[in-house]
Amino acid sequence: MQNWFVVVMGVCTVFIVLVLIIGLCYLLALACKEKNPKVEAAPPTASEETIPNRAEFVAAVSAAIAEYSGTDASAIRILSIKKI
């Protein structure tokens, strides 16, 4: 066999396999795509928006963050807490 033939066949094989891998990725993306329609949530009521003991809640959150990060709780400043 000629050397150029081996080189051309190798390059063609690589590009054909790459195209097949890309096609497989697209098929898997279509298969794994979620088909759930987005449902809009009802607006929160007044009882859901307020935290009964906000100071205690902020202290508990800052203590948990301080314990996890290994810092002092007084060094942590929480700017806002949002309910998701």
N, C-alpha and C. Protein backbone atom coordinates (compact mmCIF):
# COMPACT_ATOMS: atom_id res chain seq x y z
N MET A 1 0.84 -1.18 0.00
CA MET A 1 0.00 0.00 0.00
C MET A 1 0.88 1.25 0.00
N GLN A 2 0.31 2.27 -0.54
CA GLN A 2 1.01 3.54 -0.58
C GLN A 2 0.89 4.25 0.77
N ASN A 3 1.90 4.99 1.15
CA ASN A 3 1.86 5.73 2.41
C ASN A 3 0.75 6.77 2.44
N TRP A 4 0.53 7.45 1.32
CA TRP A 4 -0.50 8.48 1.28
C TRP A 4 -1.88 7.89 1.48
N PHE A 5 -2.10 6.68 0.97
CA PHE A 5 -3.39 6.02 1.13
C PHE A 5 -3.68 5.73 2.60
N VAL A 6 -2.68 5.29 3.33
CA VAL A 6 -2.84 5.00 4.75
C VAL A 6 -3.15 6.28 5.52
N VAL A 7 -2.47 7.36 5.17
CA VAL A 7 -2.69 8.64 5.84
C VAL A 7 -4.10 9.15 5.57
N VAL A 8 -4.55 9.10 4.32
CA VAL A 8 -5.88 9.57 3.96
C VAL A 8 -6.95 8.73 4.65
N MET A 9 -6.78 7.43 4.69
CA MET A 9 -7.76 6.56 5.34
C MET A 9 -7.81 6.83 6.85
N GLY A 10 -6.67 7.08 7.47
CA GLY A 10 -6.64 7.40 8.90
C GLY A 10 -7.34 8.69 9.21
N VAL A 11 -7.08 9.72 8.42
CA VAL A 11 -7.72 11.02 8.63
C VAL A 11 -9.22 10.92 8.39
N CYS A 12 -9.64 10.22 7.34
CA CYS A 12 -11.06 10.06 7.06
C CYS A 12 -11.75 9.29 8.19
N THR A 13 -11.10 8.26 8.70
CA THR A 13 -11.67 7.48 9.79
C THR A 13 -11.87 8.35 11.02
N VAL A 14 -10.90 9.16 11.35
CA VAL A 14 -10.99 10.03 12.52
C VAL A 14 -12.17 10.99 12.38
N PHE A 15 -12.30 11.64 11.23
CA PHE A 15 -13.37 12.61 11.06
C PHE A 15 -14.74 11.94 11.01
N ILE A 16 -14.84 10.78 10.42
CA ILE A 16 -16.12 10.06 10.38
C ILE A 16 -16.55 9.67 11.79
N VAL A 17 -15.61 9.19 12.59
CA VAL A 17 -15.94 8.80 13.96
C VAL A 17 -16.32 10.04 14.78
N LEU A 18 -15.65 11.16 14.59
CA LEU A 18 -16.01 12.38 15.30
C LEU A 18 -17.42 12.84 14.94
N VAL A 19 -17.80 12.77 13.69
CA VAL A 19 -19.15 13.14 13.27
C VAL A 19 -20.16 12.20 13.91
N LEU A 20 -19.86 10.91 13.98
CA LEU A 20 -20.76 9.96 14.62
C LEU A 20 -20.90 10.24 16.11
N ILE A 21 -19.83 10.61 16.78
CA ILE A 21 -19.89 10.95 18.20
C ILE A 21 -20.75 12.19 18.43
N ILE A 22 -20.60 13.20 17.57
CA ILE A 22 -21.41 14.42 17.68
C ILE A 22 -22.88 14.09 17.49
N GLY A 23 -23.18 13.26 16.51
CA GLY A 23 -24.57 12.85 16.28
C GLY A 23 -25.14 12.09 17.47
N LEU A 24 -24.34 11.23 18.07
CA LEU A 24 -24.78 10.49 19.24
C LEU A 24 -25.05 11.43 20.42
N CYS A 25 -24.21 12.44 20.57
CA CYS A 25 -24.42 13.43 21.65
C CYS A 25 -25.73 14.19 21.44
N TYR A 26 -26.03 14.57 20.21
CA TYR A 26 -27.30 15.25 19.94
C TYR A 26 -28.49 14.35 20.23
N LEU A 27 -28.39 13.08 19.85
CA LEU A 27 -29.49 12.15 20.12
C LEU A 27 -29.70 11.95 21.62
N LEU A 28 -28.61 11.83 22.37
CA LEU A 28 -28.73 11.68 23.82
C LEU A 28 -29.29 12.94 24.46
N ALA A 29 -28.92 14.11 23.95
CA ALA A 29 -29.46 15.36 24.49
C ALA A 29 -30.97 15.43 24.25
N LEU A 30 -31.41 15.00 23.10
CA LEU A 30 -32.85 15.00 22.82
C LEU A 30 -33.58 13.99 23.70
N ALA A 31 -32.97 12.85 23.95
CA ALA A 31 -33.60 11.81 24.76
C ALA A 31 -33.68 12.22 26.22
N CYS A 32 -32.69 12.97 26.69
CA CYS A 32 -32.64 13.34 28.10
C CYS A 32 -33.33 14.66 28.40
N LYS A 33 -33.79 15.34 27.39
CA LYS A 33 -34.41 16.65 27.59
C LYS A 33 -35.72 16.48 28.35
N GLU A 34 -35.93 17.35 29.35
CA GLU A 34 -37.15 17.30 30.14
C GLU A 34 -38.32 17.82 29.33
N LYS A 35 -39.44 17.15 29.49
CA LYS A 35 -40.61 17.54 28.74
C LYS A 35 -41.70 18.12 29.64
N ASN A 36 -41.34 18.51 30.86
CA ASN A 36 -42.31 19.07 31.79
C ASN A 36 -42.53 20.55 31.48
N PRO A 37 -43.77 20.96 31.29
CA PRO A 37 -44.02 22.39 31.08
C PRO A 37 -43.80 23.15 32.39
N LYS A 38 -43.37 24.36 32.25
CA LYS A 38 -43.14 25.17 33.45
C LYS A 38 -44.49 25.61 34.02
N VAL A 39 -44.65 25.35 35.30
CA VAL A 39 -45.88 25.73 35.99
C VAL A 39 -45.57 26.95 36.84
N GLU A 40 -46.36 27.99 36.67
CA GLU A 40 -46.14 29.19 37.45
C GLU A 40 -46.69 29.00 38.85
N ALA A 41 -45.88 29.35 39.82
CA ALA A 41 -46.30 29.21 41.21
C ALA A 41 -47.20 30.37 41.59
N ALA A 42 -48.05 30.12 42.56
CA ALA A 42 -48.92 31.17 43.06
C ALA A 42 -48.08 32.19 43.82
N PRO A 43 -48.48 33.45 43.82
CA PRO A 43 -47.71 34.45 44.56
C PRO A 43 -47.71 34.11 46.05
N PRO A 44 -46.60 34.35 46.72
CA PRO A 44 -46.52 34.00 48.14
C PRO A 44 -47.48 34.83 48.98
N THR A 45 -48.00 34.21 50.00
CA THR A 45 -48.89 34.93 50.91
C THR A 45 -48.05 35.64 51.96
N ALA A 46 -48.70 36.45 52.78
CA ALA A 46 -47.99 37.23 53.79
C ALA A 46 -47.33 36.32 54.81
N SER A 47 -47.94 35.18 55.12
CA SER A 47 -47.36 34.29 56.12
C SER A 47 -46.11 33.60 55.60
N GLU A 48 -46.00 33.39 54.27
CA GLU A 48 -44.82 32.76 53.69
C GLU A 48 -43.66 33.73 53.58
N GLU A 49 -43.94 35.02 53.46
CA GLU A 49 -42.89 36.00 53.26
C GLU A 49 -42.16 36.35 54.56
N THR A 50 -42.82 36.27 55.68
CA THR A 50 -42.22 36.69 56.93
C THR A 50 -41.62 35.49 57.65
N ILE A 51 -40.53 35.73 58.33
CA ILE A 51 -39.88 34.72 59.16
C ILE A 51 -40.20 35.11 60.60
N PRO A 52 -40.82 34.20 61.38
CA PRO A 52 -41.27 34.57 62.72
C PRO A 52 -40.14 35.07 63.63
N ASN A 53 -39.06 34.36 63.72
CA ASN A 53 -37.92 34.75 64.57
C ASN A 53 -36.72 35.00 63.67
N ARG A 54 -36.73 36.12 62.98
CA ARG A 54 -35.71 36.40 61.98
C ARG A 54 -34.31 36.46 62.59
N ALA A 55 -34.15 37.07 63.75
CA ALA A 55 -32.83 37.19 64.37
C ALA A 55 -32.28 35.81 64.73
N GLU A 56 -33.13 34.94 65.25
CA GLU A 56 -32.68 33.59 65.58
C GLU A 56 -32.33 32.81 64.32
N PHE A 57 -33.11 33.02 63.27
CA PHE A 57 -32.85 32.33 62.01
C PHE A 57 -31.52 32.77 61.41
N VAL A 58 -31.25 34.07 61.41
CA VAL A 58 -29.99 34.59 60.88
C VAL A 58 -28.82 34.09 61.72
N ALA A 59 -28.99 34.03 63.04
CA ALA A 59 -27.92 33.52 63.90
C ALA A 59 -27.65 32.05 63.62
N ALA A 60 -28.70 31.26 63.40
CA ALA A 60 -28.51 29.84 63.10
C ALA A 60 -27.83 29.65 61.75
N VAL A 61 -28.21 30.43 60.76
CA VAL A 61 -27.60 30.31 59.44
C VAL A 61 -26.14 30.72 59.49
N SER A 62 -25.83 31.82 60.18
CA SER A 62 -24.44 32.26 60.26
C SER A 62 -23.60 31.27 61.05
N ALA A 63 -24.15 30.65 62.09
CA ALA A 63 -23.42 29.63 62.84
C ALA A 63 -23.14 28.41 61.97
N ALA A 64 -24.12 28.02 61.15
CA ALA A 64 -23.92 26.87 60.27
C ALA A 64 -22.86 27.17 59.22
N ILE A 65 -22.89 28.37 58.65
CA ILE A 65 -21.89 28.76 57.65
C ILE A 65 -20.51 28.84 58.28
N ALA A 66 -20.43 29.39 59.49
CA ALA A 66 -19.14 29.50 60.18
C ALA A 66 -18.58 28.12 60.50
N GLU A 67 -19.42 27.20 60.92
CA GLU A 67 -18.96 25.84 61.23
C GLU A 67 -18.47 25.15 59.97
N TYR A 68 -19.19 25.32 58.88
CA TYR A 68 -18.82 24.67 57.62
C TYR A 68 -17.52 25.23 57.06
N SER A 69 -17.37 26.55 57.13
CA SER A 69 -16.18 27.17 56.54
C SER A 69 -15.00 27.24 57.51
N GLY A 70 -15.23 26.98 58.79
CA GLY A 70 -14.14 26.99 59.76
C GLY A 70 -13.73 28.38 60.20
N THR A 71 -14.63 29.34 60.10
CA THR A 71 -14.34 30.71 60.54
C THR A 71 -15.18 31.05 61.76
N ASP A 72 -14.96 32.23 62.28
CA ASP A 72 -15.72 32.71 63.42
C ASP A 72 -17.06 33.26 62.93
N ALA A 73 -18.13 33.03 63.69
CA ALA A 73 -19.46 33.48 63.29
C ALA A 73 -19.57 35.01 63.27
N SER A 74 -18.78 35.69 64.10
CA SER A 74 -18.85 37.15 64.12
C SER A 74 -18.20 37.75 62.87
N ALA A 75 -17.41 36.98 62.14
CA ALA A 75 -16.76 37.48 60.93
C ALA A 75 -17.64 37.35 59.70
N ILE A 76 -18.81 36.74 59.86
CA ILE A 76 -19.70 36.52 58.72
C ILE A 76 -20.78 37.60 58.71
N ARG A 77 -20.98 38.21 57.54
CA ARG A 77 -22.03 39.21 57.39
C ARG A 77 -23.02 38.71 56.34
N ILE A 78 -24.24 38.46 56.76
CA ILE A 78 -25.28 38.00 55.85
C ILE A 78 -26.04 39.22 55.36
N LEU A 79 -26.00 39.43 54.04
CA LEU A 79 -26.64 40.61 53.46
C LEU A 79 -28.11 40.40 53.19
N SER A 80 -28.48 39.22 52.71
CA SER A 80 -29.89 38.96 52.45
C SER A 80 -30.14 37.46 52.46
N ILE A 81 -31.37 37.10 52.81
CA ILE A 81 -31.81 35.71 52.81
C ILE A 81 -33.08 35.67 52.00
N LYS A 82 -33.09 34.85 50.95
CA LYS A 82 -34.25 34.75 50.09
C LYS A 82 -34.79 33.33 50.13
N LYS A 83 -36.07 33.20 50.20
CA LYS A 83 -36.71 31.89 50.18
C LYS A 83 -36.94 31.49 48.73
N ILE A 84 -36.51 30.30 48.40
CA ILE A 84 -36.64 29.84 47.01
C ILE A 84 -37.80 28.90 46.92
